Amino acid sequence: MKLPAHKKMLSAAAAASVMLLTAACGSGGSDDASSMPSSSAPSATTDDSSAAAATYKDGDYEAEASYVNPGGDSKVKVELTLADNKVSKVEVTPEATDGTSKSFQEKFASGISSEVVGKSLDDLKVDKVAGSSLTHLGFNEAIDKIKADAKA
């Protein structure tokens, strides 16, 4: 059976692509692996993050942050308790004045505890929670402020 010319060209192009990808993966992987052990950056990053995790003071913290949503600017207040660099308690207080925004903040507030309690302060970076897709912007900003306040 003979293939039309355009199908032969597509077949050849696909085969060439597979060979190029295979070659690139093989050489890229070995280059990365050989250069990684000689680099001190990964070790420094690991050391820095573990050192940072050990520098938070236990206690109660709070911060307020704002973010923009379709209803305008909204604020959210975050209160949390740290023990051994981990969140042992969190409370989010909705402060939005727009009804829709406040509703989303309330949903976020009702679901955030299960997302962050027991986690390291350094690991906190939340996205959509309980259907609220923008409240996390204010929450994460407040967490950044709390991290700055809690550093030993």
N, C-alpha and C. Protein backbone atom coordinates (compact mmCIF):
# COMPACT_ATOMS: atom_id res chain seq x y z
N MET A 1 0.83 -1.17 0.00
CA MET A 1 0.00 0.00 0.00
C MET A 1 0.88 1.23 0.00
N LYS A 2 0.57 2.17 -0.87
CA LYS A 2 1.35 3.39 -0.98
C LYS A 2 0.66 4.50 -0.19
N LEU A 3 1.46 5.28 0.55
CA LEU A 3 0.94 6.43 1.29
C LEU A 3 1.06 7.67 0.42
N PRO A 4 0.11 8.59 0.54
CA PRO A 4 0.23 9.86 -0.19
C PRO A 4 1.47 10.62 0.30
N ALA A 5 1.98 11.51 -0.49
CA ALA A 5 3.22 12.24 -0.19
C ALA A 5 3.13 13.01 1.12
N HIS A 6 2.00 13.68 1.37
CA HIS A 6 1.90 14.48 2.60
C HIS A 6 1.91 13.60 3.86
N LYS A 7 1.39 12.37 3.78
CA LYS A 7 1.43 11.47 4.92
C LYS A 7 2.85 10.95 5.15
N LYS A 8 3.61 10.76 4.06
CA LYS A 8 5.00 10.33 4.20
C LYS A 8 5.81 11.42 4.90
N MET A 9 5.54 12.69 4.52
CA MET A 9 6.28 13.80 5.14
C MET A 9 5.93 13.90 6.63
N LEU A 10 4.66 13.74 6.97
CA LEU A 10 4.26 13.80 8.37
C LEU A 10 4.89 12.66 9.17
N SER A 11 4.94 11.50 8.55
CA SER A 11 5.55 10.34 9.19
C SER A 11 7.04 10.59 9.45
N ALA A 12 7.71 11.13 8.49
CA ALA A 12 9.14 11.41 8.61
C ALA A 12 9.36 12.49 9.68
N ALA A 13 8.51 13.51 9.68
CA ALA A 13 8.64 14.59 10.67
C ALA A 13 8.42 14.04 12.08
N ALA A 14 7.44 13.18 12.25
CA ALA A 14 7.17 12.59 13.56
C ALA A 14 8.35 11.76 14.03
N ALA A 15 8.90 10.97 13.13
CA ALA A 15 10.05 10.13 13.49
C ALA A 15 11.25 11.00 13.87
N ALA A 16 11.47 12.07 13.13
CA ALA A 16 12.59 12.97 13.44
C ALA A 16 12.37 13.63 14.80
N SER A 17 11.14 14.02 15.10
CA SER A 17 10.83 14.64 16.38
C SER A 17 11.12 13.69 17.54
N VAL A 18 10.72 12.44 17.38
CA VAL A 18 10.97 11.45 18.42
C VAL A 18 12.47 11.28 18.64
N MET A 19 13.23 11.22 17.56
CA MET A 19 14.68 11.05 17.69
C MET A 19 15.30 12.27 18.37
N LEU A 20 14.86 13.47 18.01
CA LEU A 20 15.41 14.68 18.63
C LEU A 20 15.07 14.74 20.11
N LEU A 21 13.84 14.41 20.45
CA LEU A 21 13.44 14.42 21.86
C LEU A 21 14.23 13.39 22.65
N THR A 22 14.41 12.22 22.08
CA THR A 22 15.16 11.18 22.76
C THR A 22 16.60 11.63 22.97
N ALA A 23 17.20 12.22 21.96
CA ALA A 23 18.57 12.69 22.07
C ALA A 23 18.68 13.82 23.08
N ALA A 24 17.73 14.73 23.07
CA ALA A 24 17.76 15.86 24.00
C ALA A 24 17.58 15.40 25.43
N CYS A 25 16.68 14.46 25.65
CA CYS A 25 16.45 13.95 27.00
C CYS A 25 17.68 13.23 27.52
N GLY A 26 18.28 12.45 26.68
CA GLY A 26 19.46 11.69 27.10
C GLY A 26 20.62 12.59 27.44
N SER A 27 20.94 13.56 26.59
CA SER A 27 22.10 14.39 26.86
C SER A 27 21.80 15.42 27.93
N GLY A 28 20.58 15.96 27.97
CA GLY A 28 20.23 16.96 28.97
C GLY A 28 20.24 16.37 30.36
N GLY A 29 19.74 15.16 30.49
CA GLY A 29 19.68 14.52 31.79
C GLY A 29 21.06 14.26 32.35
N SER A 30 21.97 13.78 31.51
CA SER A 30 23.30 13.48 32.03
C SER A 30 24.07 14.76 32.32
N ASP A 31 23.87 15.81 31.53
CA ASP A 31 24.54 17.08 31.81
C ASP A 31 24.06 17.64 33.14
N ASP A 32 22.73 17.62 33.37
CA ASP A 32 22.18 18.16 34.60
C ASP A 32 22.69 17.35 35.79
N ALA A 33 22.69 16.05 35.67
CA ALA A 33 23.10 15.20 36.77
C ALA A 33 24.57 15.40 37.09
N SER A 34 25.41 15.59 36.06
CA SER A 34 26.83 15.75 36.32
C SER A 34 27.14 17.12 36.88
N SER A 35 26.34 18.13 36.53
CA SER A 35 26.65 19.46 37.04
C SER A 35 26.05 19.71 38.42
N MET A 36 25.01 18.96 38.79
CA MET A 36 24.34 19.21 40.05
C MET A 36 25.21 18.94 41.27
N PRO A 37 25.90 17.80 41.35
CA PRO A 37 26.72 17.56 42.53
C PRO A 37 27.81 18.61 42.73
N SER A 38 28.35 19.19 41.66
CA SER A 38 29.41 20.16 41.82
C SER A 38 28.89 21.53 42.21
N SER A 39 27.60 21.75 42.06
CA SER A 39 27.00 23.04 42.41
C SER A 39 26.69 23.08 43.90
N SER A 40 27.02 24.20 44.55
CA SER A 40 26.71 24.32 45.96
C SER A 40 25.35 24.96 46.19
N ALA A 41 24.69 25.47 45.15
CA ALA A 41 23.41 26.16 45.32
C ALA A 41 22.33 25.28 45.92
N PRO A 42 22.12 24.03 45.44
CA PRO A 42 21.06 23.24 46.04
C PRO A 42 21.28 22.99 47.53
N SER A 43 22.52 22.74 47.96
CA SER A 43 22.79 22.52 49.37
C SER A 43 22.51 23.77 50.18
N ALA A 44 22.91 24.92 49.64
CA ALA A 44 22.69 26.17 50.35
C ALA A 44 21.20 26.45 50.49
N THR A 45 20.43 26.17 49.46
CA THR A 45 18.99 26.40 49.51
C THR A 45 18.36 25.52 50.57
N THR A 46 18.74 24.25 50.62
CA THR A 46 18.20 23.34 51.61
C THR A 46 18.58 23.80 53.00
N ASP A 47 19.84 24.19 53.19
CA ASP A 47 20.29 24.65 54.49
C ASP A 47 19.56 25.91 54.91
N ASP A 48 19.36 26.85 53.97
CA ASP A 48 18.69 28.10 54.29
C ASP A 48 17.25 27.86 54.70
N SER A 49 16.53 26.98 53.99
CA SER A 49 15.13 26.76 54.30
C SER A 49 14.97 26.08 55.65
N SER A 50 15.86 25.15 56.01
CA SER A 50 15.74 24.50 57.30
C SER A 50 16.13 25.47 58.42
N ALA A 51 17.08 26.36 58.15
CA ALA A 51 17.44 27.36 59.14
C ALA A 51 16.30 28.34 59.33
N ALA A 52 15.64 28.72 58.25
CA ALA A 52 14.53 29.66 58.35
C ALA A 52 13.38 29.04 59.13
N ALA A 53 13.15 27.76 58.94
CA ALA A 53 12.05 27.10 59.63
C ALA A 53 12.29 27.09 61.13
N ALA A 54 13.52 27.12 61.55
CA ALA A 54 13.84 27.05 62.97
C ALA A 54 13.86 28.43 63.63
N THR A 55 13.56 29.48 62.89
CA THR A 55 13.71 30.81 63.46
C THR A 55 12.41 31.50 63.84
N TYR A 56 11.27 30.81 63.81
CA TYR A 56 10.00 31.44 64.19
C TYR A 56 9.74 31.26 65.67
N LYS A 57 9.28 32.33 66.30
CA LYS A 57 8.95 32.28 67.72
C LYS A 57 7.53 31.75 67.90
N ASP A 58 7.35 30.88 68.88
CA ASP A 58 6.02 30.41 69.22
C ASP A 58 5.19 31.59 69.71
N GLY A 59 3.88 31.52 69.46
CA GLY A 59 3.01 32.58 69.96
C GLY A 59 1.81 32.81 69.05
N ASP A 60 1.06 33.83 69.41
CA ASP A 60 -0.12 34.23 68.66
C ASP A 60 0.22 35.43 67.79
N TYR A 61 -0.21 35.39 66.54
CA TYR A 61 0.09 36.45 65.58
C TYR A 61 -1.17 36.81 64.81
N GLU A 62 -1.20 38.04 64.34
CA GLU A 62 -2.31 38.45 63.47
C GLU A 62 -1.81 39.47 62.46
N ALA A 63 -2.47 39.47 61.33
CA ALA A 63 -2.14 40.41 60.26
C ALA A 63 -3.38 40.61 59.42
N GLU A 64 -3.43 41.77 58.79
CA GLU A 64 -4.52 42.09 57.89
C GLU A 64 -3.91 42.38 56.53
N ALA A 65 -4.62 41.97 55.50
CA ALA A 65 -4.12 42.20 54.14
C ALA A 65 -5.31 42.47 53.22
N SER A 66 -5.01 43.13 52.12
CA SER A 66 -6.07 43.43 51.16
C SER A 66 -5.72 42.81 49.81
N TYR A 67 -6.74 42.67 48.99
CA TYR A 67 -6.58 42.13 47.64
C TYR A 67 -7.71 42.69 46.79
N VAL A 68 -7.54 42.61 45.49
CA VAL A 68 -8.53 43.13 44.55
C VAL A 68 -9.36 41.98 43.99
N ASN A 69 -10.66 42.19 43.92
CA ASN A 69 -11.57 41.23 43.32
C ASN A 69 -12.58 41.98 42.47
N PRO A 70 -13.45 41.29 41.76
CA PRO A 70 -14.41 42.00 40.90
C PRO A 70 -15.31 42.99 41.65
N GLY A 71 -15.51 42.77 42.95
CA GLY A 71 -16.33 43.68 43.75
C GLY A 71 -15.57 44.88 44.26
N GLY A 72 -14.27 44.94 44.00
CA GLY A 72 -13.42 46.04 44.48
C GLY A 72 -12.33 45.51 45.39
N ASP A 73 -11.85 46.39 46.27
CA ASP A 73 -10.82 45.98 47.23
C ASP A 73 -11.48 45.29 48.42
N SER A 74 -10.87 44.23 48.89
CA SER A 74 -11.35 43.53 50.07
C SER A 74 -10.21 43.33 51.04
N LYS A 75 -10.55 43.27 52.32
CA LYS A 75 -9.57 43.01 53.36
C LYS A 75 -9.95 41.72 54.07
N VAL A 76 -8.93 41.07 54.58
CA VAL A 76 -9.13 39.86 55.36
C VAL A 76 -8.13 39.89 56.52
N LYS A 77 -8.59 39.43 57.68
CA LYS A 77 -7.74 39.39 58.87
C LYS A 77 -7.41 37.93 59.17
N VAL A 78 -6.14 37.68 59.47
CA VAL A 78 -5.69 36.32 59.76
C VAL A 78 -5.06 36.32 61.14
N GLU A 79 -5.51 35.40 61.97
CA GLU A 79 -4.92 35.18 63.28
C GLU A 79 -4.47 33.73 63.34
N LEU A 80 -3.23 33.53 63.82
CA LEU A 80 -2.78 32.15 63.95
C LEU A 80 -1.87 31.99 65.14
N THR A 81 -1.78 30.76 65.60
CA THR A 81 -0.91 30.39 66.71
C THR A 81 0.17 29.47 66.18
N LEU A 82 1.41 29.79 66.53
CA LEU A 82 2.56 28.97 66.14
C LEU A 82 3.09 28.20 67.33
N ALA A 83 3.40 26.95 67.14
CA ALA A 83 4.05 26.11 68.13
C ALA A 83 5.03 25.21 67.39
N ASP A 84 6.30 25.30 67.73
CA ASP A 84 7.35 24.52 67.07
C ASP A 84 7.35 24.75 65.56
N ASN A 85 7.22 26.00 65.14
CA ASN A 85 7.24 26.41 63.74
C ASN A 85 6.05 25.89 62.92
N LYS A 86 5.05 25.34 63.59
CA LYS A 86 3.87 24.84 62.90
C LYS A 86 2.63 25.58 63.37
N VAL A 87 1.67 25.67 62.48
CA VAL A 87 0.41 26.33 62.79
C VAL A 87 -0.43 25.38 63.65
N SER A 88 -0.78 25.82 64.84
CA SER A 88 -1.62 24.98 65.69
C SER A 88 -3.07 25.48 65.71
N LYS A 89 -3.27 26.72 65.27
CA LYS A 89 -4.62 27.28 65.21
C LYS A 89 -4.61 28.41 64.19
N VAL A 90 -5.71 28.53 63.44
CA VAL A 90 -5.85 29.62 62.48
C VAL A 90 -7.29 30.09 62.46
N GLU A 91 -7.45 31.40 62.33
CA GLU A 91 -8.79 31.97 62.20
C GLU A 91 -8.72 33.11 61.19
N VAL A 92 -9.63 33.07 60.24
CA VAL A 92 -9.73 34.12 59.23
C VAL A 92 -11.03 34.89 59.48
N THR A 93 -10.90 36.20 59.59
CA THR A 93 -12.07 37.06 59.81
C THR A 93 -12.37 37.80 58.52
N PRO A 94 -13.52 37.52 57.90
CA PRO A 94 -13.90 38.25 56.69
C PRO A 94 -14.15 39.73 57.01
N GLU A 95 -13.58 40.61 56.20
CA GLU A 95 -13.76 42.04 56.39
C GLU A 95 -14.25 42.72 55.12
N ALA A 96 -14.69 41.94 54.15
CA ALA A 96 -15.19 42.51 52.90
C ALA A 96 -16.49 43.25 53.16
N THR A 97 -16.71 44.33 52.41
CA THR A 97 -17.95 45.10 52.54
C THR A 97 -18.96 44.71 51.47
N ASP A 98 -18.48 44.19 50.36
CA ASP A 98 -19.34 43.71 49.27
C ASP A 98 -19.94 42.36 49.68
N GLY A 99 -21.23 42.18 49.48
CA GLY A 99 -21.91 40.95 49.89
C GLY A 99 -21.34 39.69 49.27
N THR A 100 -21.07 39.73 47.99
CA THR A 100 -20.52 38.56 47.30
C THR A 100 -19.13 38.24 47.82
N SER A 101 -18.30 39.26 47.96
CA SER A 101 -16.94 39.05 48.46
C SER A 101 -16.96 38.50 49.88
N LYS A 102 -17.84 39.04 50.70
CA LYS A 102 -17.94 38.56 52.09
C LYS A 102 -18.36 37.10 52.11
N SER A 103 -19.28 36.72 51.24
CA SER A 103 -19.72 35.33 51.16
C SER A 103 -18.55 34.41 50.82
N PHE A 104 -17.73 34.80 49.85
CA PHE A 104 -16.57 33.99 49.48
C PHE A 104 -15.56 33.94 50.62
N GLN A 105 -15.36 35.06 51.31
CA GLN A 105 -14.43 35.07 52.44
C GLN A 105 -14.92 34.14 53.56
N GLU A 106 -16.22 34.12 53.79
CA GLU A 106 -16.78 33.23 54.82
C GLU A 106 -16.56 31.76 54.45
N LYS A 107 -16.73 31.43 53.17
CA LYS A 107 -16.45 30.06 52.73
C LYS A 107 -14.99 29.71 52.94
N PHE A 108 -14.12 30.64 52.57
CA PHE A 108 -12.68 30.45 52.76
C PHE A 108 -12.37 30.23 54.24
N ALA A 109 -12.92 31.10 55.09
CA ALA A 109 -12.66 31.02 56.53
C ALA A 109 -13.12 29.68 57.11
N SER A 110 -14.22 29.14 56.59
CA SER A 110 -14.72 27.88 57.12
C SER A 110 -13.87 26.68 56.70
N GLY A 111 -13.10 26.80 55.63
CA GLY A 111 -12.31 25.67 55.15
C GLY A 111 -10.82 25.77 55.36
N ILE A 112 -10.33 26.92 55.81
CA ILE A 112 -8.88 27.13 55.86
C ILE A 112 -8.19 26.31 56.96
N SER A 113 -8.84 26.11 58.06
CA SER A 113 -8.21 25.40 59.18
C SER A 113 -7.72 24.01 58.76
N SER A 114 -8.55 23.28 58.05
CA SER A 114 -8.15 21.92 57.63
C SER A 114 -7.01 21.94 56.63
N GLU A 115 -6.80 23.07 55.98
CA GLU A 115 -5.72 23.18 54.99
C GLU A 115 -4.37 23.52 55.62
N VAL A 116 -4.35 24.23 56.77
CA VAL A 116 -3.08 24.75 57.26
C VAL A 116 -2.67 24.29 58.65
N VAL A 117 -3.60 23.87 59.49
CA VAL A 117 -3.24 23.45 60.84
C VAL A 117 -2.35 22.21 60.76
N GLY A 118 -1.24 22.27 61.49
CA GLY A 118 -0.28 21.17 61.50
C GLY A 118 0.85 21.35 60.50
N LYS A 119 0.75 22.37 59.65
CA LYS A 119 1.78 22.59 58.64
C LYS A 119 2.79 23.63 59.11
N SER A 120 3.98 23.51 58.60
CA SER A 120 5.04 24.47 58.88
C SER A 120 4.66 25.83 58.32
N LEU A 121 5.03 26.88 59.03
CA LEU A 121 4.73 28.24 58.56
C LEU A 121 5.37 28.48 57.19
N ASP A 122 6.55 27.91 56.98
CA ASP A 122 7.23 28.07 55.70
C ASP A 122 6.51 27.38 54.55
N ASP A 123 5.68 26.39 54.85
CA ASP A 123 4.97 25.64 53.81
C ASP A 123 3.62 26.24 53.45
N LEU A 124 3.22 27.31 54.13
CA LEU A 124 1.90 27.88 53.88
C LEU A 124 1.91 28.75 52.63
N LYS A 125 1.17 28.32 51.67
CA LYS A 125 0.90 29.07 50.44
C LYS A 125 -0.34 28.42 49.86
N VAL A 126 -1.49 28.99 50.17
CA VAL A 126 -2.73 28.35 49.76
C VAL A 126 -3.27 28.95 48.48
N ASP A 127 -4.08 28.16 47.81
CA ASP A 127 -4.80 28.59 46.61
C ASP A 127 -6.27 28.58 46.95
N LYS A 128 -7.07 28.27 45.99
CA LYS A 128 -8.52 28.23 46.15
C LYS A 128 -8.90 27.32 47.33
N VAL A 129 -9.75 27.83 48.22
CA VAL A 129 -10.22 27.06 49.36
C VAL A 129 -11.73 27.19 49.43
N ALA A 130 -12.43 26.09 49.50
CA ALA A 130 -13.89 26.04 49.67
C ALA A 130 -14.63 26.89 48.64
N GLY A 131 -14.13 26.92 47.43
CA GLY A 131 -14.81 27.65 46.36
C GLY A 131 -14.43 29.11 46.24
N SER A 132 -13.64 29.61 47.16
CA SER A 132 -13.20 30.99 47.11
C SER A 132 -11.89 31.07 46.34
N SER A 133 -11.92 31.73 45.19
CA SER A 133 -10.75 31.72 44.33
C SER A 133 -9.85 32.95 44.45
N LEU A 134 -10.23 33.95 45.24
CA LEU A 134 -9.38 35.14 45.36
C LEU A 134 -8.98 35.46 46.80
N THR A 135 -9.70 34.97 47.78
CA THR A 135 -9.40 35.29 49.17
C THR A 135 -7.98 34.85 49.54
N HIS A 136 -7.49 33.80 48.90
CA HIS A 136 -6.14 33.32 49.21
C HIS A 136 -5.08 34.39 48.97
N LEU A 137 -5.36 35.33 48.08
CA LEU A 137 -4.39 36.40 47.82
C LEU A 137 -4.17 37.23 49.09
N GLY A 138 -5.24 37.61 49.75
CA GLY A 138 -5.12 38.35 51.00
C GLY A 138 -4.55 37.48 52.11
N PHE A 139 -4.98 36.22 52.17
CA PHE A 139 -4.47 35.31 53.19
C PHE A 139 -2.96 35.14 53.07
N ASN A 140 -2.47 34.88 51.87
CA ASN A 140 -1.04 34.67 51.67
C ASN A 140 -0.24 35.92 52.01
N GLU A 141 -0.78 37.10 51.68
CA GLU A 141 -0.09 38.35 52.03
C GLU A 141 -0.03 38.50 53.55
N ALA A 142 -1.12 38.18 54.23
CA ALA A 142 -1.13 38.25 55.70
C ALA A 142 -0.12 37.26 56.29
N ILE A 143 -0.03 36.07 55.71
CA ILE A 143 0.94 35.07 56.18
C ILE A 143 2.36 35.60 56.03
N ASP A 144 2.65 36.28 54.93
CA ASP A 144 3.98 36.87 54.74
C ASP A 144 4.29 37.89 55.83
N LYS A 145 3.29 38.68 56.22
CA LYS A 145 3.48 39.66 57.31
C LYS A 145 3.72 38.94 58.63
N ILE A 146 2.98 37.87 58.87
CA ILE A 146 3.15 37.10 60.11
C ILE A 146 4.54 36.46 60.15
N LYS A 147 5.01 35.95 59.02
CA LYS A 147 6.36 35.37 58.97
C LYS A 147 7.39 36.40 59.38
N ALA A 148 7.25 37.62 58.90
CA ALA A 148 8.19 38.68 59.25
C ALA A 148 8.12 39.01 60.74
N ASP A 149 6.92 39.03 61.30
CA ASP A 149 6.75 39.32 62.73
C ASP A 149 7.26 38.20 63.61
N ALA A 150 7.14 36.96 63.15
CA ALA A 150 7.46 35.79 63.97
C ALA A 150 8.93 35.39 63.94
N LYS A 151 9.71 36.01 63.07
CA LYS A 151 11.14 35.63 63.01
C LYS A 151 11.82 35.94 64.33
N ALA A 152 12.63 35.00 64.78
CA ALA A 152 13.32 35.15 66.05
C ALA A 152 14.47 36.13 65.95
